[in-house]
Amino acid sequence: MPRTAAWGAVAAVTLAVFGASCSAGSDSDNAGGTPAVASGSASSALTAEPSPPPIPTATPVEKVRDAFAGLQATLDDSCTPADCAYFLRRIFGELHRLDGAMKASGKGPSHFAEPIKLIKELDTQVGSDQSFENLKEHQDALIDTRHKINTWMQGHPDDYH
């Protein structure tokens, strides 16, 4: 169930329980003889979506194998007119996710010197502009870097299992 649908279901159940408990009282419970109404408007209670739970502030260091799996998940994708921007941004993001995991690995960044070097070279080419137009201009470099790192990692299976 999508997150917004789940929160909508929680809100509906909460309102149903709240409404049942409010209407369960008798008229004698209400000295004025008029129905009790909760403060605030009923329509805003029906349309307001509850806040999602807070996002944890601390996350554990990501494992290289998990970050590599994210990069591998892009191998069967391609730059189609409908999703080229998403595809290129995803490859860029997955490469940097893997870079961070390698640098934080217990094996140390020197153990992953080759893939880290490849990502640094890509960053030199792409620069700080992560717009679709710039990533499209460097599409071959993105895909080539992904391919080289995938090949390197496949040759070092003990490094990510």
N, C-alpha and C. Protein backbone atom coordinates (compact mmCIF):
# COMPACT_ATOMS: atom_id res chain seq x y z
N MET A 1 0.86 -1.17 0.00
CA MET A 1 0.00 0.00 0.00
C MET A 1 0.90 1.23 0.00
N PRO A 2 0.70 2.19 -0.90
CA PRO A 2 1.52 3.40 -0.90
C PRO A 2 1.40 4.14 0.42
N ARG A 3 2.44 4.89 0.74
CA ARG A 3 2.53 5.57 2.02
C ARG A 3 1.35 6.49 2.27
N THR A 4 0.94 7.27 1.26
CA THR A 4 -0.18 8.20 1.47
C THR A 4 -1.48 7.44 1.67
N ALA A 5 -1.64 6.30 0.98
CA ALA A 5 -2.85 5.50 1.17
C ALA A 5 -2.87 4.91 2.58
N ALA A 6 -1.69 4.49 3.05
CA ALA A 6 -1.61 3.93 4.41
C ALA A 6 -1.98 4.99 5.44
N TRP A 7 -1.48 6.19 5.28
CA TRP A 7 -1.80 7.26 6.23
C TRP A 7 -3.27 7.63 6.13
N GLY A 8 -3.82 7.56 4.92
CA GLY A 8 -5.24 7.84 4.76
C GLY A 8 -6.09 6.79 5.48
N ALA A 9 -5.64 5.53 5.42
CA ALA A 9 -6.36 4.46 6.12
C ALA A 9 -6.28 4.66 7.62
N VAL A 10 -5.10 5.06 8.12
CA VAL A 10 -4.95 5.33 9.55
C VAL A 10 -5.87 6.46 9.97
N ALA A 11 -5.94 7.50 9.15
CA ALA A 11 -6.80 8.63 9.47
C ALA A 11 -8.27 8.20 9.48
N ALA A 12 -8.68 7.38 8.53
CA ALA A 12 -10.07 6.93 8.45
C ALA A 12 -10.45 6.10 9.67
N VAL A 13 -9.54 5.20 10.08
CA VAL A 13 -9.81 4.37 11.26
C VAL A 13 -9.88 5.25 12.50
N THR A 14 -8.95 6.18 12.61
CA THR A 14 -8.93 7.08 13.76
C THR A 14 -10.22 7.88 13.83
N LEU A 15 -10.66 8.42 12.70
CA LEU A 15 -11.90 9.19 12.68
C LEU A 15 -13.10 8.32 13.00
N ALA A 16 -13.11 7.08 12.51
CA ALA A 16 -14.23 6.19 12.77
C ALA A 16 -14.31 5.87 14.26
N VAL A 17 -13.16 5.58 14.87
CA VAL A 17 -13.14 5.28 16.30
C VAL A 17 -13.53 6.51 17.10
N PHE A 18 -12.96 7.66 16.73
CA PHE A 18 -13.26 8.91 17.43
C PHE A 18 -14.74 9.24 17.31
N GLY A 19 -15.27 9.11 16.09
CA GLY A 19 -16.69 9.41 15.87
C GLY A 19 -17.59 8.48 16.64
N ALA A 20 -17.24 7.20 16.71
CA ALA A 20 -18.05 6.23 17.45
C ALA A 20 -18.03 6.52 18.93
N SER A 21 -16.87 6.91 19.44
CA SER A 21 -16.79 7.19 20.88
C SER A 21 -17.53 8.47 21.23
N CYS A 22 -17.56 9.44 20.33
CA CYS A 22 -18.29 10.69 20.60
C CYS A 22 -19.80 10.46 20.54
N SER A 23 -20.26 9.60 19.64
CA SER A 23 -21.69 9.40 19.50
C SER A 23 -22.21 8.35 20.46
N ALA A 24 -21.31 7.64 21.16
CA ALA A 24 -21.73 6.59 22.08
C ALA A 24 -22.34 7.16 23.35
N GLY A 25 -22.08 8.41 23.69
CA GLY A 25 -22.63 9.02 24.91
C GLY A 25 -24.11 9.31 24.74
N SER A 26 -24.83 9.39 25.84
CA SER A 26 -26.25 9.69 25.76
C SER A 26 -26.47 11.19 25.87
N ASP A 27 -27.71 11.62 25.58
CA ASP A 27 -28.03 13.03 25.70
C ASP A 27 -27.88 13.51 27.13
N SER A 28 -28.04 12.60 28.09
CA SER A 28 -27.92 13.02 29.48
C SER A 28 -26.47 13.36 29.83
N ASP A 29 -25.52 12.88 29.02
CA ASP A 29 -24.11 13.22 29.25
C ASP A 29 -23.83 14.66 28.89
N ASN A 30 -24.69 15.25 28.11
CA ASN A 30 -24.47 16.60 27.61
C ASN A 30 -25.50 17.51 28.27
N ALA A 31 -25.06 18.33 29.18
CA ALA A 31 -25.98 19.17 29.96
C ALA A 31 -26.77 20.13 29.09
N GLY A 32 -26.22 20.63 28.00
CA GLY A 32 -26.91 21.62 27.18
C GLY A 32 -27.89 21.00 26.21
N GLY A 33 -27.87 19.69 26.04
CA GLY A 33 -28.80 19.04 25.13
C GLY A 33 -28.37 19.13 23.68
N THR A 34 -27.27 19.79 23.38
CA THR A 34 -26.78 19.85 22.00
C THR A 34 -25.65 18.86 21.84
N PRO A 35 -25.49 18.33 20.66
CA PRO A 35 -24.44 17.33 20.46
C PRO A 35 -23.06 17.93 20.73
N ALA A 36 -22.19 17.10 21.31
CA ALA A 36 -20.81 17.53 21.57
C ALA A 36 -20.03 17.48 20.27
N VAL A 37 -19.23 18.50 20.02
CA VAL A 37 -18.41 18.58 18.82
C VAL A 37 -16.97 18.82 19.26
N ALA A 38 -16.07 18.07 18.68
CA ALA A 38 -14.66 18.27 19.00
C ALA A 38 -14.22 19.62 18.47
N SER A 39 -13.22 20.21 19.14
CA SER A 39 -12.74 21.51 18.67
C SER A 39 -12.10 21.36 17.31
N GLY A 40 -12.16 22.38 16.53
CA GLY A 40 -11.64 22.35 15.16
C GLY A 40 -12.77 21.99 14.22
N SER A 41 -12.53 22.16 12.95
CA SER A 41 -13.59 21.90 11.99
C SER A 41 -13.58 20.44 11.58
N ALA A 42 -14.75 19.88 11.40
CA ALA A 42 -14.87 18.47 11.02
C ALA A 42 -14.31 18.25 9.63
N SER A 43 -14.51 19.21 8.73
CA SER A 43 -14.02 19.02 7.37
C SER A 43 -12.50 19.02 7.32
N SER A 44 -11.84 19.83 8.16
CA SER A 44 -10.38 19.82 8.14
C SER A 44 -9.86 18.52 8.74
N ALA A 45 -10.59 17.93 9.68
CA ALA A 45 -10.16 16.66 10.25
C ALA A 45 -10.28 15.55 9.22
N LEU A 46 -11.26 15.64 8.34
CA LEU A 46 -11.43 14.61 7.32
C LEU A 46 -10.42 14.74 6.20
N THR A 47 -9.96 15.93 5.88
CA THR A 47 -9.06 16.12 4.76
C THR A 47 -7.60 16.19 5.17
N ALA A 48 -7.32 16.49 6.43
CA ALA A 48 -5.94 16.62 6.86
C ALA A 48 -5.30 15.25 6.97
N GLU A 49 -4.10 15.12 6.40
CA GLU A 49 -3.37 13.87 6.46
C GLU A 49 -2.42 13.93 7.65
N PRO A 50 -2.37 12.88 8.47
CA PRO A 50 -1.47 12.93 9.62
C PRO A 50 -0.02 13.00 9.18
N SER A 51 0.81 13.53 10.03
CA SER A 51 2.23 13.63 9.73
C SER A 51 2.86 12.26 9.74
N PRO A 52 3.79 12.00 8.80
CA PRO A 52 4.47 10.71 8.80
C PRO A 52 5.41 10.63 10.00
N PRO A 53 5.81 9.42 10.37
CA PRO A 53 6.73 9.30 11.50
C PRO A 53 8.05 9.97 11.17
N PRO A 54 8.79 10.40 12.20
CA PRO A 54 10.05 11.09 11.94
C PRO A 54 11.07 10.16 11.29
N ILE A 55 11.90 10.73 10.45
CA ILE A 55 12.97 9.99 9.80
C ILE A 55 14.11 9.85 10.80
N PRO A 56 14.68 8.64 10.94
CA PRO A 56 15.79 8.48 11.87
C PRO A 56 16.93 9.43 11.51
N THR A 57 17.56 9.99 12.52
CA THR A 57 18.62 10.96 12.26
C THR A 57 19.97 10.31 12.03
N ALA A 58 20.18 9.11 12.53
CA ALA A 58 21.47 8.44 12.34
C ALA A 58 21.25 7.20 11.48
N THR A 59 22.09 7.03 10.48
CA THR A 59 22.00 5.84 9.65
C THR A 59 23.34 5.12 9.71
N PRO A 60 23.32 3.79 9.69
CA PRO A 60 24.58 3.05 9.72
C PRO A 60 25.33 3.22 8.41
N VAL A 61 26.60 2.98 8.44
CA VAL A 61 27.41 3.06 7.23
C VAL A 61 26.92 1.98 6.27
N GLU A 62 26.69 2.38 5.04
CA GLU A 62 26.18 1.44 4.06
C GLU A 62 27.28 0.47 3.64
N LYS A 63 26.91 -0.77 3.47
CA LYS A 63 27.86 -1.79 3.05
C LYS A 63 28.12 -1.66 1.56
N VAL A 64 29.34 -1.98 1.17
CA VAL A 64 29.73 -1.91 -0.24
C VAL A 64 28.84 -2.81 -1.08
N ARG A 65 28.51 -3.99 -0.59
CA ARG A 65 27.70 -4.91 -1.40
C ARG A 65 26.32 -4.34 -1.68
N ASP A 66 25.73 -3.61 -0.70
CA ASP A 66 24.41 -3.02 -0.91
C ASP A 66 24.47 -1.88 -1.93
N ALA A 67 25.51 -1.06 -1.83
CA ALA A 67 25.66 0.03 -2.78
C ALA A 67 25.96 -0.52 -4.17
N PHE A 68 26.76 -1.56 -4.24
CA PHE A 68 27.06 -2.17 -5.54
C PHE A 68 25.80 -2.77 -6.16
N ALA A 69 24.94 -3.36 -5.35
CA ALA A 69 23.68 -3.91 -5.85
C ALA A 69 22.83 -2.81 -6.49
N GLY A 70 22.85 -1.62 -5.89
CA GLY A 70 22.12 -0.49 -6.48
C GLY A 70 22.66 -0.11 -7.84
N LEU A 71 23.98 -0.14 -7.98
CA LEU A 71 24.59 0.17 -9.28
C LEU A 71 24.25 -0.93 -10.29
N GLN A 72 24.34 -2.18 -9.85
CA GLN A 72 24.02 -3.29 -10.75
C GLN A 72 22.57 -3.24 -11.23
N ALA A 73 21.70 -2.71 -10.42
CA ALA A 73 20.28 -2.63 -10.79
C ALA A 73 20.06 -1.73 -11.99
N THR A 74 21.04 -0.92 -12.34
CA THR A 74 20.91 -0.03 -13.50
C THR A 74 21.41 -0.66 -14.78
N LEU A 75 22.00 -1.87 -14.70
CA LEU A 75 22.66 -2.46 -15.87
C LEU A 75 21.71 -2.75 -17.03
N ASP A 76 20.48 -3.10 -16.74
CA ASP A 76 19.53 -3.42 -17.82
C ASP A 76 18.73 -2.21 -18.27
N ASP A 77 18.96 -1.06 -17.65
CA ASP A 77 18.24 0.16 -18.02
C ASP A 77 18.99 0.89 -19.12
N SER A 78 18.29 1.77 -19.79
CA SER A 78 18.92 2.58 -20.82
C SER A 78 18.25 3.95 -20.87
N CYS A 79 18.86 4.81 -21.64
CA CYS A 79 18.37 6.18 -21.77
C CYS A 79 17.30 6.23 -22.86
N THR A 80 16.04 6.06 -22.45
CA THR A 80 14.93 6.15 -23.40
C THR A 80 14.36 7.56 -23.31
N PRO A 81 13.66 8.01 -24.34
CA PRO A 81 13.10 9.36 -24.29
C PRO A 81 12.22 9.61 -23.07
N ALA A 82 11.53 8.59 -22.61
CA ALA A 82 10.61 8.78 -21.49
C ALA A 82 11.31 8.90 -20.14
N ASP A 83 12.49 8.30 -20.01
CA ASP A 83 13.11 8.29 -18.68
C ASP A 83 14.62 8.53 -18.68
N CYS A 84 15.13 9.19 -19.67
CA CYS A 84 16.57 9.40 -19.76
C CYS A 84 17.10 10.22 -18.58
N ALA A 85 16.39 11.25 -18.19
CA ALA A 85 16.85 12.08 -17.08
C ALA A 85 16.94 11.25 -15.81
N TYR A 86 15.92 10.46 -15.53
CA TYR A 86 15.93 9.59 -14.36
C TYR A 86 17.10 8.60 -14.44
N PHE A 87 17.28 7.99 -15.59
CA PHE A 87 18.33 6.99 -15.79
C PHE A 87 19.72 7.57 -15.51
N LEU A 88 20.02 8.71 -16.10
CA LEU A 88 21.35 9.30 -15.92
C LEU A 88 21.57 9.76 -14.48
N ARG A 89 20.55 10.36 -13.89
CA ARG A 89 20.68 10.80 -12.49
C ARG A 89 20.83 9.59 -11.56
N ARG A 90 20.16 8.51 -11.89
CA ARG A 90 20.27 7.32 -11.05
C ARG A 90 21.68 6.74 -11.13
N ILE A 91 22.23 6.63 -12.32
CA ILE A 91 23.60 6.11 -12.44
C ILE A 91 24.56 7.01 -11.67
N PHE A 92 24.44 8.32 -11.84
CA PHE A 92 25.30 9.26 -11.13
C PHE A 92 25.17 9.06 -9.62
N GLY A 93 23.95 8.96 -9.15
CA GLY A 93 23.70 8.78 -7.72
C GLY A 93 24.22 7.44 -7.20
N GLU A 94 24.00 6.38 -7.95
CA GLU A 94 24.47 5.05 -7.52
C GLU A 94 25.99 4.98 -7.49
N LEU A 95 26.64 5.63 -8.45
CA LEU A 95 28.11 5.66 -8.43
C LEU A 95 28.62 6.36 -7.17
N HIS A 96 27.96 7.45 -6.80
CA HIS A 96 28.40 8.20 -5.62
C HIS A 96 28.01 7.50 -4.31
N ARG A 97 26.93 6.77 -4.35
CA ARG A 97 26.56 5.95 -3.19
C ARG A 97 27.62 4.87 -2.96
N LEU A 98 28.06 4.23 -4.04
CA LEU A 98 29.11 3.22 -3.96
C LEU A 98 30.43 3.84 -3.52
N ASP A 99 30.74 5.02 -4.04
CA ASP A 99 31.95 5.73 -3.66
C ASP A 99 31.99 5.98 -2.14
N GLY A 100 30.89 6.44 -1.59
CA GLY A 100 30.81 6.69 -0.16
C GLY A 100 30.96 5.41 0.66
N ALA A 101 30.33 4.33 0.19
CA ALA A 101 30.42 3.06 0.90
C ALA A 101 31.84 2.52 0.87
N MET A 102 32.52 2.67 -0.26
CA MET A 102 33.90 2.20 -0.37
C MET A 102 34.83 2.99 0.53
N LYS A 103 34.63 4.29 0.58
CA LYS A 103 35.48 5.14 1.41
C LYS A 103 35.25 4.88 2.89
N ALA A 104 34.05 4.47 3.25
CA ALA A 104 33.72 4.21 4.66
C ALA A 104 33.94 2.75 5.05
N SER A 105 34.28 1.92 4.09
CA SER A 105 34.45 0.50 4.35
C SER A 105 35.57 0.24 5.35
N GLY A 106 35.42 -0.83 6.09
CA GLY A 106 36.46 -1.24 7.03
C GLY A 106 37.76 -1.62 6.32
N LYS A 107 37.66 -1.95 5.05
CA LYS A 107 38.86 -2.28 4.28
C LYS A 107 39.65 -1.03 3.92
N GLY A 108 39.02 0.09 4.03
CA GLY A 108 39.68 1.36 3.75
C GLY A 108 39.62 1.74 2.29
N PRO A 109 39.68 3.05 2.02
CA PRO A 109 39.58 3.52 0.63
C PRO A 109 40.71 3.04 -0.26
N SER A 110 41.88 2.78 0.30
CA SER A 110 43.00 2.33 -0.55
C SER A 110 42.71 0.96 -1.14
N HIS A 111 41.87 0.16 -0.47
CA HIS A 111 41.50 -1.15 -0.99
C HIS A 111 40.67 -1.01 -2.27
N PHE A 112 39.90 0.06 -2.36
CA PHE A 112 39.05 0.31 -3.51
C PHE A 112 39.59 1.45 -4.37
N ALA A 113 40.91 1.57 -4.43
CA ALA A 113 41.54 2.70 -5.10
C ALA A 113 41.09 2.85 -6.56
N GLU A 114 40.99 1.77 -7.30
CA GLU A 114 40.64 1.84 -8.72
C GLU A 114 39.22 2.39 -8.94
N PRO A 115 38.18 1.82 -8.32
CA PRO A 115 36.85 2.38 -8.55
C PRO A 115 36.71 3.81 -8.03
N ILE A 116 37.34 4.11 -6.91
CA ILE A 116 37.28 5.48 -6.38
C ILE A 116 37.94 6.44 -7.35
N LYS A 117 39.04 6.02 -7.96
CA LYS A 117 39.74 6.85 -8.95
C LYS A 117 38.84 7.09 -10.18
N LEU A 118 38.15 6.05 -10.61
CA LEU A 118 37.26 6.19 -11.77
C LEU A 118 36.13 7.19 -11.50
N ILE A 119 35.58 7.16 -10.31
CA ILE A 119 34.50 8.09 -9.96
C ILE A 119 35.05 9.51 -9.85
N LYS A 120 36.26 9.65 -9.34
CA LYS A 120 36.87 10.98 -9.25
C LYS A 120 37.12 11.55 -10.65
N GLU A 121 37.57 10.71 -11.57
CA GLU A 121 37.77 11.16 -12.96
C GLU A 121 36.45 11.58 -13.59
N LEU A 122 35.39 10.82 -13.32
CA LEU A 122 34.06 11.19 -13.83
C LEU A 122 33.65 12.54 -13.27
N ASP A 123 33.86 12.75 -11.98
CA ASP A 123 33.49 14.02 -11.35
C ASP A 123 34.27 15.18 -11.95
N THR A 124 35.51 14.94 -12.34
CA THR A 124 36.31 15.99 -12.98
C THR A 124 35.67 16.38 -14.31
N GLN A 125 35.18 15.39 -15.05
CA GLN A 125 34.54 15.66 -16.34
C GLN A 125 33.18 16.34 -16.16
N VAL A 126 32.36 15.80 -15.27
CA VAL A 126 30.99 16.30 -15.09
C VAL A 126 30.99 17.65 -14.38
N GLY A 127 31.90 17.84 -13.44
CA GLY A 127 31.92 19.08 -12.66
C GLY A 127 30.79 19.09 -11.65
N SER A 128 30.42 20.25 -11.19
CA SER A 128 29.39 20.36 -10.16
C SER A 128 27.97 20.45 -10.73
N ASP A 129 27.84 20.56 -12.04
CA ASP A 129 26.54 20.68 -12.69
C ASP A 129 25.91 19.30 -12.89
N GLN A 130 24.89 19.01 -12.09
CA GLN A 130 24.22 17.72 -12.19
C GLN A 130 22.89 17.83 -12.94
N SER A 131 22.76 18.85 -13.75
CA SER A 131 21.54 19.02 -14.54
C SER A 131 21.45 17.90 -15.58
N PHE A 132 20.24 17.63 -16.04
CA PHE A 132 20.06 16.62 -17.07
C PHE A 132 20.89 16.94 -18.31
N GLU A 133 20.91 18.19 -18.71
CA GLU A 133 21.65 18.56 -19.91
C GLU A 133 23.13 18.21 -19.78
N ASN A 134 23.71 18.50 -18.61
CA ASN A 134 25.13 18.21 -18.41
C ASN A 134 25.37 16.70 -18.31
N LEU A 135 24.48 16.00 -17.60
CA LEU A 135 24.64 14.56 -17.51
C LEU A 135 24.46 13.90 -18.87
N LYS A 136 23.54 14.41 -19.68
CA LYS A 136 23.33 13.89 -21.03
C LYS A 136 24.59 14.10 -21.87
N GLU A 137 25.22 15.25 -21.70
CA GLU A 137 26.46 15.55 -22.42
C GLU A 137 27.57 14.55 -22.03
N HIS A 138 27.53 14.07 -20.79
CA HIS A 138 28.54 13.14 -20.29
C HIS A 138 28.00 11.72 -20.15
N GLN A 139 26.95 11.41 -20.89
CA GLN A 139 26.30 10.11 -20.81
C GLN A 139 27.28 8.97 -21.06
N ASP A 140 28.11 9.08 -22.09
CA ASP A 140 29.07 8.01 -22.39
C ASP A 140 30.04 7.79 -21.24
N ALA A 141 30.50 8.86 -20.62
CA ALA A 141 31.42 8.75 -19.48
C ALA A 141 30.73 8.09 -18.28
N LEU A 142 29.46 8.44 -18.04
CA LEU A 142 28.70 7.82 -16.94
C LEU A 142 28.58 6.32 -17.15
N ILE A 143 28.16 5.94 -18.34
CA ILE A 143 27.94 4.52 -18.63
C ILE A 143 29.27 3.77 -18.65
N ASP A 144 30.31 4.39 -19.19
CA ASP A 144 31.63 3.76 -19.22
C ASP A 144 32.17 3.55 -17.81
N THR A 145 31.99 4.55 -16.94
CA THR A 145 32.44 4.42 -15.56
C THR A 145 31.66 3.31 -14.85
N ARG A 146 30.37 3.28 -15.06
CA ARG A 146 29.56 2.20 -14.48
C ARG A 146 30.07 0.84 -14.94
N HIS A 147 30.34 0.71 -16.23
CA HIS A 147 30.82 -0.56 -16.79
C HIS A 147 32.18 -0.96 -16.21
N LYS A 148 33.10 -0.02 -16.14
CA LYS A 148 34.43 -0.32 -15.60
C LYS A 148 34.37 -0.73 -14.14
N ILE A 149 33.54 -0.04 -13.36
CA ILE A 149 33.42 -0.39 -11.93
C ILE A 149 32.73 -1.73 -11.78
N ASN A 150 31.72 -2.00 -12.57
CA ASN A 150 31.05 -3.29 -12.52
C ASN A 150 32.05 -4.41 -12.83
N THR A 151 32.85 -4.22 -13.86
CA THR A 151 33.86 -5.21 -14.23
C THR A 151 34.88 -5.40 -13.09
N TRP A 152 35.34 -4.30 -12.50
CA TRP A 152 36.31 -4.39 -11.41
C TRP A 152 35.70 -5.15 -10.23
N MET A 153 34.47 -4.80 -9.87
CA MET A 153 33.82 -5.45 -8.72
C MET A 153 33.57 -6.93 -8.99
N GLN A 154 33.20 -7.28 -10.22
CA GLN A 154 32.98 -8.69 -10.56
C GLN A 154 34.28 -9.47 -10.43
N GLY A 155 35.40 -8.81 -10.65
CA GLY A 155 36.71 -9.45 -10.51
C GLY A 155 37.19 -9.51 -9.07
N HIS A 156 36.46 -8.89 -8.16
CA HIS A 156 36.81 -8.85 -6.73
C HIS A 156 35.60 -9.23 -5.88
N PRO A 157 35.06 -10.43 -6.06
CA PRO A 157 33.82 -10.80 -5.35
C PRO A 157 33.98 -10.81 -3.83
N ASP A 158 35.16 -11.07 -3.33
CA ASP A 158 35.37 -11.08 -1.87
C ASP A 158 35.27 -9.68 -1.27
N ASP A 159 35.36 -8.68 -2.13
CA ASP A 159 35.33 -7.30 -1.65
C ASP A 159 33.92 -6.82 -1.31
N TYR A 160 32.91 -7.53 -1.77
CA TYR A 160 31.56 -7.04 -1.51
C TYR A 160 30.61 -8.12 -0.99
N HIS A 161 31.13 -9.24 -0.58
CA HIS A 161 30.25 -10.27 0.00
C HIS A 161 30.49 -10.41 1.48
